[in-house]
Amino acid sequence: MNEFNELTANLDRIHTTDLGAVRIKRNLSLDTDDAAEWCKAKIISPGAVITRRGKNWYIKADGCIITVNAYSYTIITAHKEKQ
């Protein structure tokens, strides 16, 4: 199974902690109540590029990079892609 299929097959397991949500919203300047759902939408977006390095997945989509733990499916952080 490739990275995209493995991660998207477990989309319902993807979540974040309360502190993770605060960090994601701050780093991306988001005005949303549910940072995890925002990230899930980016993960399944057509232009998303998903790679796995070690224990984490890295998803590049729409100018941001989302980091997801490959074992717990926890969104660790997200930040804007450096220019």
PDB file of N, CA and C in Angstrom:
ATOM      1  N   MET A   1       0.861  -1.178   0.000  1.00  0.00           N
ATOM      2  CA  MET A   1       0.000   0.000   0.000  1.00  0.00           C
ATOM      3  C   MET A   1       0.902   1.234   0.000  1.00  0.00           C
ATOM      4  N   ASN A   2       0.627   2.189  -0.878  1.00  0.00           N
ATOM      5  CA  ASN A   2       1.475   3.373  -0.886  1.00  0.00           C
ATOM      6  C   ASN A   2       1.066   4.335   0.231  1.00  0.00           C
ATOM      7  N   GLU A   3       1.898   5.364   0.434  1.00  0.00           N
ATOM      8  CA  GLU A   3       1.677   6.283   1.557  1.00  0.00           C
ATOM      9  C   GLU A   3       0.301   6.944   1.510  1.00  0.00           C
ATOM     10  N   PHE A   4      -0.091   7.388   0.306  1.00  0.00           N
ATOM     11  CA  PHE A   4      -1.381   8.066   0.188  1.00  0.00           C
ATOM     12  C   PHE A   4      -2.516   7.146   0.602  1.00  0.00           C
ATOM     13  N   ASN A   5      -2.510   5.925   0.091  1.00  0.00           N
ATOM     14  CA  ASN A   5      -3.590   4.987   0.406  1.00  0.00           C
ATOM     15  C   ASN A   5      -3.591   4.596   1.874  1.00  0.00           C
ATOM     16  N   GLU A   6      -2.418   4.369   2.449  1.00  0.00           N
ATOM     17  CA  GLU A   6      -2.345   3.959   3.850  1.00  0.00           C
ATOM     18  C   GLU A   6      -2.848   5.063   4.776  1.00  0.00           C
ATOM     19  N   LEU A   7      -2.444   6.293   4.511  1.00  0.00           N
ATOM     20  CA  LEU A   7      -2.875   7.408   5.360  1.00  0.00           C
ATOM     21  C   LEU A   7      -4.356   7.718   5.160  1.00  0.00           C
ATOM     22  N   THR A   8      -4.803   7.791   3.934  1.00  0.00           N
ATOM     23  CA  THR A   8      -6.205   8.128   3.686  1.00  0.00           C
ATOM     24  C   THR A   8      -7.146   7.000   4.089  1.00  0.00           C
ATOM     25  N   ALA A   9      -6.668   5.760   4.080  1.00  0.00           N
ATOM     26  CA  ALA A   9      -7.496   4.641   4.533  1.00  0.00           C
ATOM     27  C   ALA A   9      -7.783   4.738   6.028  1.00  0.00           C
ATOM     28  N   ASN A  10      -6.937   5.457   6.752  1.00  0.00           N
ATOM     29  CA  ASN A  10      -7.106   5.631   8.196  1.00  0.00           C
ATOM     30  C   ASN A  10      -7.471   7.063   8.557  1.00  0.00           C
ATOM     31  N   LEU A  11      -8.105   7.756   7.632  1.00  0.00           N
ATOM     32  CA  LEU A  11      -8.461   9.161   7.839  1.00  0.00           C
ATOM     33  C   LEU A  11      -9.304   9.357   9.100  1.00  0.00           C
ATOM     34  N   ASP A  12     -10.170   8.406   9.402  1.00  0.00           N
ATOM     35  CA  ASP A  12     -11.030   8.523  10.585  1.00  0.00           C
ATOM     36  C   ASP A  12     -10.228   8.441  11.892  1.00  0.00           C
ATOM     37  N   ARG A  13      -9.006   7.940  11.837  1.00  0.00           N
ATOM     38  CA  ARG A  13      -8.166   7.834  13.039  1.00  0.00           C
ATOM     39  C   ARG A  13      -7.309   9.077  13.271  1.00  0.00           C
ATOM     40  N   ILE A  14      -7.220   9.948  12.273  1.00  0.00           N
ATOM     41  CA  ILE A  14      -6.375  11.146  12.386  1.00  0.00           C
ATOM     42  C   ILE A  14      -7.010  12.121  13.365  1.00  0.00           C
ATOM     43  N   HIS A  15      -6.193  12.585  14.303  1.00  0.00           N
ATOM     44  CA  HIS A  15      -6.664  13.498  15.344  1.00  0.00           C
ATOM     45  C   HIS A  15      -5.493  14.362  15.813  1.00  0.00           C
ATOM     46  N   THR A  16      -5.741  15.276  16.713  1.00  0.00           N
ATOM     47  CA  THR A  16      -4.687  16.060  17.331  1.00  0.00           C
ATOM     48  C   THR A  16      -5.038  16.296  18.790  1.00  0.00           C
ATOM     49  N   THR A  17      -4.072  16.744  19.545  1.00  0.00           N
ATOM     50  CA  THR A  17      -4.306  17.078  20.950  1.00  0.00           C
ATOM     51  C   THR A  17      -4.796  18.514  21.037  1.00  0.00           C
ATOM     52  N   ASP A  18      -5.231  18.918  22.217  1.00  0.00           N
ATOM     53  CA  ASP A  18      -5.663  20.307  22.402  1.00  0.00           C
ATOM     54  C   ASP A  18      -4.513  21.273  22.133  1.00  0.00           C
ATOM     55  N   LEU A  19      -3.332  20.952  22.663  1.00  0.00           N
ATOM     56  CA  LEU A  19      -2.168  21.804  22.426  1.00  0.00           C
ATOM     57  C   LEU A  19      -1.745  21.776  20.968  1.00  0.00           C
ATOM     58  N   GLY A  20      -1.890  20.624  20.326  1.00  0.00           N
ATOM     59  CA  GLY A  20      -1.584  20.516  18.904  1.00  0.00           C
ATOM     60  C   GLY A  20      -2.487  21.401  18.068  1.00  0.00           C
ATOM     61  N   ALA A  21      -3.756  21.443  18.406  1.00  0.00           N
ATOM     62  CA  ALA A  21      -4.712  22.285  17.678  1.00  0.00           C
ATOM     63  C   ALA A  21      -4.340  23.760  17.810  1.00  0.00           C
ATOM     64  N   VAL A  22      -3.951  24.151  19.014  1.00  0.00           N
ATOM     65  CA  VAL A  22      -3.534  25.548  19.245  1.00  0.00           C
ATOM     66  C   VAL A  22      -2.298  25.859  18.400  1.00  0.00           C
ATOM     67  N   ARG A  23      -1.328  24.944  18.382  1.00  0.00           N
ATOM     68  CA  ARG A  23      -0.089  25.131  17.626  1.00  0.00           C
ATOM     69  C   ARG A  23      -0.374  25.231  16.128  1.00  0.00           C
ATOM     70  N   ILE A  24      -1.231  24.355  15.625  1.00  0.00           N
ATOM     71  CA  ILE A  24      -1.571  24.366  14.198  1.00  0.00           C
ATOM     72  C   ILE A  24      -2.251  25.674  13.819  1.00  0.00           C
ATOM     73  N   LYS A  25      -3.225  26.075  14.614  1.00  0.00           N
ATOM     74  CA  LYS A  25      -3.947  27.313  14.321  1.00  0.00           C
ATOM     75  C   LYS A  25      -3.009  28.520  14.347  1.00  0.00           C
ATOM     76  N   ARG A  26      -2.086  28.535  15.296  1.00  0.00           N
ATOM     77  CA  ARG A  26      -1.128  29.649  15.404  1.00  0.00           C
ATOM     78  C   ARG A  26      -0.166  29.644  14.216  1.00  0.00           C
ATOM     79  N   ASN A  27       0.405  28.478  13.910  1.00  0.00           N
ATOM     80  CA  ASN A  27       1.404  28.401  12.846  1.00  0.00           C
ATOM     81  C   ASN A  27       0.843  28.734  11.469  1.00  0.00           C
ATOM     82  N   LEU A  28      -0.410  28.385  11.237  1.00  0.00           N
ATOM     83  CA  LEU A  28      -1.026  28.613   9.924  1.00  0.00           C
ATOM     84  C   LEU A  28      -1.956  29.815   9.899  1.00  0.00           C
ATOM     85  N   SER A  29      -2.077  30.505  11.030  1.00  0.00           N
ATOM     86  CA  SER A  29      -2.985  31.659  11.142  1.00  0.00           C
ATOM     87  C   SER A  29      -4.401  31.277  10.730  1.00  0.00           C
ATOM     88  N   LEU A  30      -4.874  30.160  11.246  1.00  0.00           N
ATOM     89  CA  LEU A  30      -6.204  29.660  10.900  1.00  0.00           C
ATOM     90  C   LEU A  30      -7.272  30.280  11.785  1.00  0.00           C
ATOM     91  N   ASP A  31      -8.432  30.477  11.192  1.00  0.00           N
ATOM     92  CA  ASP A  31      -9.595  30.940  11.936  1.00  0.00           C
ATOM     93  C   ASP A  31     -10.670  29.858  11.808  1.00  0.00           C
ATOM     94  N   THR A  32     -10.418  28.728  12.462  1.00  0.00           N
ATOM     95  CA  THR A  32     -11.338  27.596  12.413  1.00  0.00           C
ATOM     96  C   THR A  32     -11.471  27.002  13.806  1.00  0.00           C
ATOM     97  N   ASP A  33     -12.592  26.379  14.063  1.00  0.00           N
ATOM     98  CA  ASP A  33     -12.798  25.741  15.359  1.00  0.00           C
ATOM     99  C   ASP A  33     -12.192  24.345  15.419  1.00  0.00           C
ATOM    100  N   ASP A  34     -11.993  23.706  14.271  1.00  0.00           N
ATOM    101  CA  ASP A  34     -11.517  22.331  14.252  1.00  0.00           C
ATOM    102  C   ASP A  34     -10.303  22.195  13.340  1.00  0.00           C
ATOM    103  N   ALA A  35      -9.129  22.347  13.928  1.00  0.00           N
ATOM    104  CA  ALA A  35      -7.880  22.282  13.161  1.00  0.00           C
ATOM    105  C   ALA A  35      -7.672  20.891  12.558  1.00  0.00           C
ATOM    106  N   ALA A  36      -8.074  19.839  13.267  1.00  0.00           N
ATOM    107  CA  ALA A  36      -7.894  18.476  12.762  1.00  0.00           C
ATOM    108  C   ALA A  36      -8.702  18.256  11.483  1.00  0.00           C
ATOM    109  N   GLU A  37      -9.926  18.717  11.456  1.00  0.00           N
ATOM    110  CA  GLU A  37     -10.758  18.563  10.252  1.00  0.00           C
ATOM    111  C   GLU A  37     -10.188  19.378   9.093  1.00  0.00           C
ATOM    112  N   TRP A  38      -9.651  20.557   9.398  1.00  0.00           N
ATOM    113  CA  TRP A  38      -9.019  21.385   8.374  1.00  0.00           C
ATOM    114  C   TRP A  38      -7.842  20.623   7.766  1.00  0.00           C
ATOM    115  N   CYS A  39      -7.032  20.006   8.617  1.00  0.00           N
ATOM    116  CA  CYS A  39      -5.876  19.240   8.158  1.00  0.00           C
ATOM    117  C   CYS A  39      -6.309  18.016   7.349  1.00  0.00           C
ATOM    118  N   LYS A  40      -7.346  17.338   7.779  1.00  0.00           N
ATOM    119  CA  LYS A  40      -7.847  16.173   7.037  1.00  0.00           C
ATOM    120  C   LYS A  40      -8.270  16.572   5.627  1.00  0.00           C
ATOM    121  N   ALA A  41      -8.908  17.723   5.502  1.00  0.00           N
ATOM    122  CA  ALA A  41      -9.329  18.200   4.188  1.00  0.00           C
ATOM    123  C   ALA A  41      -8.117  18.441   3.295  1.00  0.00           C
ATOM    124  N   LYS A  42      -7.037  18.959   3.857  1.00  0.00           N
ATOM    125  CA  LYS A  42      -5.811  19.179   3.086  1.00  0.00           C
ATOM    126  C   LYS A  42      -5.164  17.850   2.693  1.00  0.00           C
ATOM    127  N   ILE A  43      -5.205  16.875   3.603  1.00  0.00           N
ATOM    128  CA  ILE A  43      -4.592  15.575   3.349  1.00  0.00           C
ATOM    129  C   ILE A  43      -5.252  14.877   2.155  1.00  0.00           C
ATOM    130  N   ILE A  44      -6.557  14.998   2.025  1.00  0.00           N
ATOM    131  CA  ILE A  44      -7.260  14.333   0.915  1.00  0.00           C
ATOM    132  C   ILE A  44      -7.439  15.233  -0.305  1.00  0.00           C
ATOM    133  N   SER A  45      -6.901  16.444  -0.262  1.00  0.00           N
ATOM    134  CA  SER A  45      -7.035  17.340  -1.408  1.00  0.00           C
ATOM    135  C   SER A  45      -6.256  16.774  -2.599  1.00  0.00           C
ATOM    136  N   PRO A  46      -6.724  17.049  -3.808  1.00  0.00           N
ATOM    137  CA  PRO A  46      -6.113  16.451  -5.006  1.00  0.00           C
ATOM    138  C   PRO A  46      -4.628  16.764  -5.179  1.00  0.00           C
ATOM    139  N   GLY A  47      -4.169  17.915  -4.751  1.00  0.00           N
ATOM    140  CA  GLY A  47      -2.771  18.288  -4.961  1.00  0.00           C
ATOM    141  C   GLY A  47      -1.838  17.898  -3.833  1.00  0.00           C
ATOM    142  N   ALA A  48      -2.328  17.185  -2.844  1.00  0.00           N
ATOM    143  CA  ALA A  48      -1.509  16.829  -1.682  1.00  0.00           C
ATOM    144  C   ALA A  48      -0.414  15.831  -2.066  1.00  0.00           C
ATOM    145  N   VAL A  49       0.782  16.080  -1.540  1.00  0.00           N
ATOM    146  CA  VAL A  49       1.917  15.178  -1.751  1.00  0.00           C
ATOM    147  C   VAL A  49       2.264  14.585  -0.385  1.00  0.00           C
ATOM    148  N   ILE A  50       2.121  13.267  -0.262  1.00  0.00           N
ATOM    149  CA  ILE A  50       2.326  12.581   1.011  1.00  0.00           C
ATOM    150  C   ILE A  50       3.591  11.736   0.930  1.00  0.00           C
ATOM    151  N   THR A  51       4.480  11.951   1.912  1.00  0.00           N
ATOM    152  CA  THR A  51       5.686  11.134   2.005  1.00  0.00           C
ATOM    153  C   THR A  51       5.823  10.647   3.440  1.00  0.00           C
ATOM    154  N   ARG A  52       6.474   9.516   3.589  1.00  0.00           N
ATOM    155  CA  ARG A  52       6.725   8.998   4.929  1.00  0.00           C
ATOM    156  C   ARG A  52       8.225   8.908   5.138  1.00  0.00           C
ATOM    157  N   ARG A  53       8.681   9.506   6.228  1.00  0.00           N
ATOM    158  CA  ARG A  53      10.079   9.427   6.620  1.00  0.00           C
ATOM    159  C   ARG A  53      10.110   8.991   8.075  1.00  0.00           C
ATOM    160  N   GLY A  54      10.585   7.786   8.310  1.00  0.00           N
ATOM    161  CA  GLY A  54      10.665   7.275   9.674  1.00  0.00           C
ATOM    162  C   GLY A  54       9.294   7.107  10.287  1.00  0.00           C
ATOM    163  N   LYS A  55       9.102   7.722  11.440  1.00  0.00           N
ATOM    164  CA  LYS A  55       7.850   7.549  12.175  1.00  0.00           C
ATOM    165  C   LYS A  55       6.767   8.555  11.805  1.00  0.00           C
ATOM    166  N   ASN A  56       7.045   9.446  10.845  1.00  0.00           N
ATOM    167  CA  ASN A  56       6.081  10.486  10.499  1.00  0.00           C
ATOM    168  C   ASN A  56       5.734  10.518   9.023  1.00  0.00           C
ATOM    169  N   TRP A  57       4.506  10.966   8.746  1.00  0.00           N
ATOM    170  CA  TRP A  57       4.101  11.328   7.401  1.00  0.00           C
ATOM    171  C   TRP A  57       4.199  12.834   7.296  1.00  0.00           C
ATOM    172  N   TYR A  58       4.581  13.301   6.126  1.00  0.00           N
ATOM    173  CA  TYR A  58       4.638  14.729   5.830  1.00  0.00           C
ATOM    174  C   TYR A  58       3.755  14.973   4.629  1.00  0.00           C
ATOM    175  N   ILE A  59       2.796  15.861   4.794  1.00  0.00           N
ATOM    176  CA  ILE A  59       1.855  16.157   3.728  1.00  0.00           C
ATOM    177  C   ILE A  59       2.053  17.591   3.300  1.00  0.00           C
ATOM    178  N   LYS A  60       2.391  17.794   2.033  1.00  0.00           N
ATOM    179  CA  LYS A  60       2.529  19.136   1.478  1.00  0.00           C
ATOM    180  C   LYS A  60       1.272  19.416   0.663  1.00  0.00           C
ATOM    181  N   ALA A  61       0.574  20.486   1.037  1.00  0.00           N
ATOM    182  CA  ALA A  61      -0.651  20.846   0.323  1.00  0.00           C
ATOM    183  C   ALA A  61      -0.927  22.331   0.494  1.00  0.00           C
ATOM    184  N   ASP A  62      -1.192  23.002  -0.595  1.00  0.00           N
ATOM    185  CA  ASP A  62      -1.597  24.407  -0.587  1.00  0.00           C
ATOM    186  C   ASP A  62      -0.675  25.296   0.241  1.00  0.00           C
ATOM    187  N   GLY A  63       0.626  25.103   0.096  1.00  0.00           N
ATOM    188  CA  GLY A  63       1.586  25.971   0.762  1.00  0.00           C
ATOM    189  C   GLY A  63       1.828  25.675   2.229  1.00  0.00           C
ATOM    190  N   CYS A  64       1.359  24.526   2.710  1.00  0.00           N
ATOM    191  CA  CYS A  64       1.621  24.168   4.101  1.00  0.00           C
ATOM    192  C   CYS A  64       2.130  22.732   4.183  1.00  0.00           C
ATOM    193  N   ILE A  65       2.791  22.437   5.294  1.00  0.00           N
ATOM    194  CA  ILE A  65       3.300  21.089   5.555  1.00  0.00           C
ATOM    195  C   ILE A  65       2.686  20.601   6.861  1.00  0.00           C
ATOM    196  N   ILE A  66       2.024  19.459   6.794  1.00  0.00           N
ATOM    197  CA  ILE A  66       1.371  18.860   7.961  1.00  0.00           C
ATOM    198  C   ILE A  66       2.169  17.620   8.345  1.00  0.00           C
ATOM    199  N   THR A  67       2.474  17.488   9.636  1.00  0.00           N
ATOM    200  CA  THR A  67       3.229  16.336  10.130  1.00  0.00           C
ATOM    201  C   THR A  67       2.300  15.450  10.949  1.00  0.00           C
ATOM    202  N   VAL A  68       2.212  14.174  10.570  1.00  0.00           N
ATOM    203  CA  VAL A  68       1.332  13.215  11.236  1.00  0.00           C
ATOM    204  C   VAL A  68       2.161  12.020  11.692  1.00  0.00           C
ATOM    205  N   ASN A  69       2.013  11.619  12.949  1.00  0.00           N
ATOM    206  CA  ASN A  69       2.688  10.434  13.452  1.00  0.00           C
ATOM    207  C   ASN A  69       2.099   9.207  12.756  1.00  0.00           C
ATOM    208  N   ALA A  70       2.970   8.352  12.230  1.00  0.00           N
ATOM    209  CA  ALA A  70       2.527   7.213  11.426  1.00  0.00           C
ATOM    210  C   ALA A  70       1.911   6.084  12.245  1.00  0.00           C
ATOM    211  N   TYR A  71       2.159   6.067  13.542  1.00  0.00           N
ATOM    212  CA  TYR A  71       1.648   4.973  14.375  1.00  0.00           C
ATOM    213  C   TYR A  71       0.370   5.356  15.119  1.00  0.00           C
ATOM    214  N   SER A  72       0.330   6.587  15.643  1.00  0.00           N
ATOM    215  CA  SER A  72      -0.836   7.003  16.425  1.00  0.00           C
ATOM    216  C   SER A  72      -1.818   7.834  15.600  1.00  0.00           C
ATOM    217  N   TYR A  73      -1.411   8.251  14.394  1.00  0.00           N
ATOM    218  CA  TYR A  73      -2.229   9.107  13.521  1.00  0.00           C
ATOM    219  C   TYR A  73      -2.538  10.456  14.179  1.00  0.00           C
ATOM    220  N   THR A  74      -1.631  10.920  15.023  1.00  0.00           N
ATOM    221  CA  THR A  74      -1.777  12.225  15.662  1.00  0.00           C
ATOM    222  C   THR A  74      -1.123  13.288  14.792  1.00  0.00           C
ATOM    223  N   ILE A  75      -1.864  14.365  14.532  1.00  0.00           N
ATOM    224  CA  ILE A  75      -1.279  15.496  13.812  1.00  0.00           C
ATOM    225  C   ILE A  75      -0.387  16.216  14.822  1.00  0.00           C
ATOM    226  N   ILE A  76       0.903  16.193  14.579  1.00  0.00           N
ATOM    227  CA  ILE A  76       1.859  16.773  15.506  1.00  0.00           C
ATOM    228  C   ILE A  76       1.927  18.279  15.341  1.00  0.00           C
ATOM    229  N   THR A  77       2.081  18.712  14.105  1.00  0.00           N
ATOM    230  CA  THR A  77       2.180  20.139  13.836  1.00  0.00           C
ATOM    231  C   THR A  77       1.868  20.397  12.372  1.00  0.00           C
ATOM    232  N   ALA A  78       1.740  21.646  12.047  1.00  0.00           N
ATOM    233  CA  ALA A  78       1.586  22.084  10.664  1.00  0.00           C
ATOM    234  C   ALA A  78       2.176  23.478  10.579  1.00  0.00           C
ATOM    235  N   HIS A  79       2.803  23.755   9.478  1.00  0.00           N
ATOM    236  CA  HIS A  79       3.385  25.088   9.306  1.00  0.00           C
ATOM    237  C   HIS A  79       3.392  25.462   7.824  1.00  0.00           C
ATOM    238  N   LYS A  80       3.604  26.744   7.580  1.00  0.00           N
ATOM    239  CA  LYS A  80       3.646  27.218   6.207  1.00  0.00           C
ATOM    240  C   LYS A  80       4.950  26.761   5.575  1.00  0.00           C
ATOM    241  N   GLU A  81       4.857  26.431   4.294  1.00  0.00           N
ATOM    242  CA  GLU A  81       6.042  26.004   3.554  1.00  0.00           C
ATOM    243  C   GLU A  81       6.955  27.211   3.370  1.00  0.00           C
ATOM    244  N   LYS A  82       8.246  26.997   3.580  1.00  0.00           N
ATOM    245  CA  LYS A  82       9.212  28.094   3.414  1.00  0.00           C
ATOM    246  C   LYS A  82       9.385  28.380   1.944  1.00  0.00           C
ATOM    247  N   GLN A  83       9.461  29.650   1.624  1.00  0.00           N
ATOM    248  CA  GLN A  83       9.583  30.089   0.226  1.00  0.00           C
ATOM    249  C   GLN A  83      10.962  29.856  -0.314  1.00  0.00           C
TER     250      GLN A  83
END
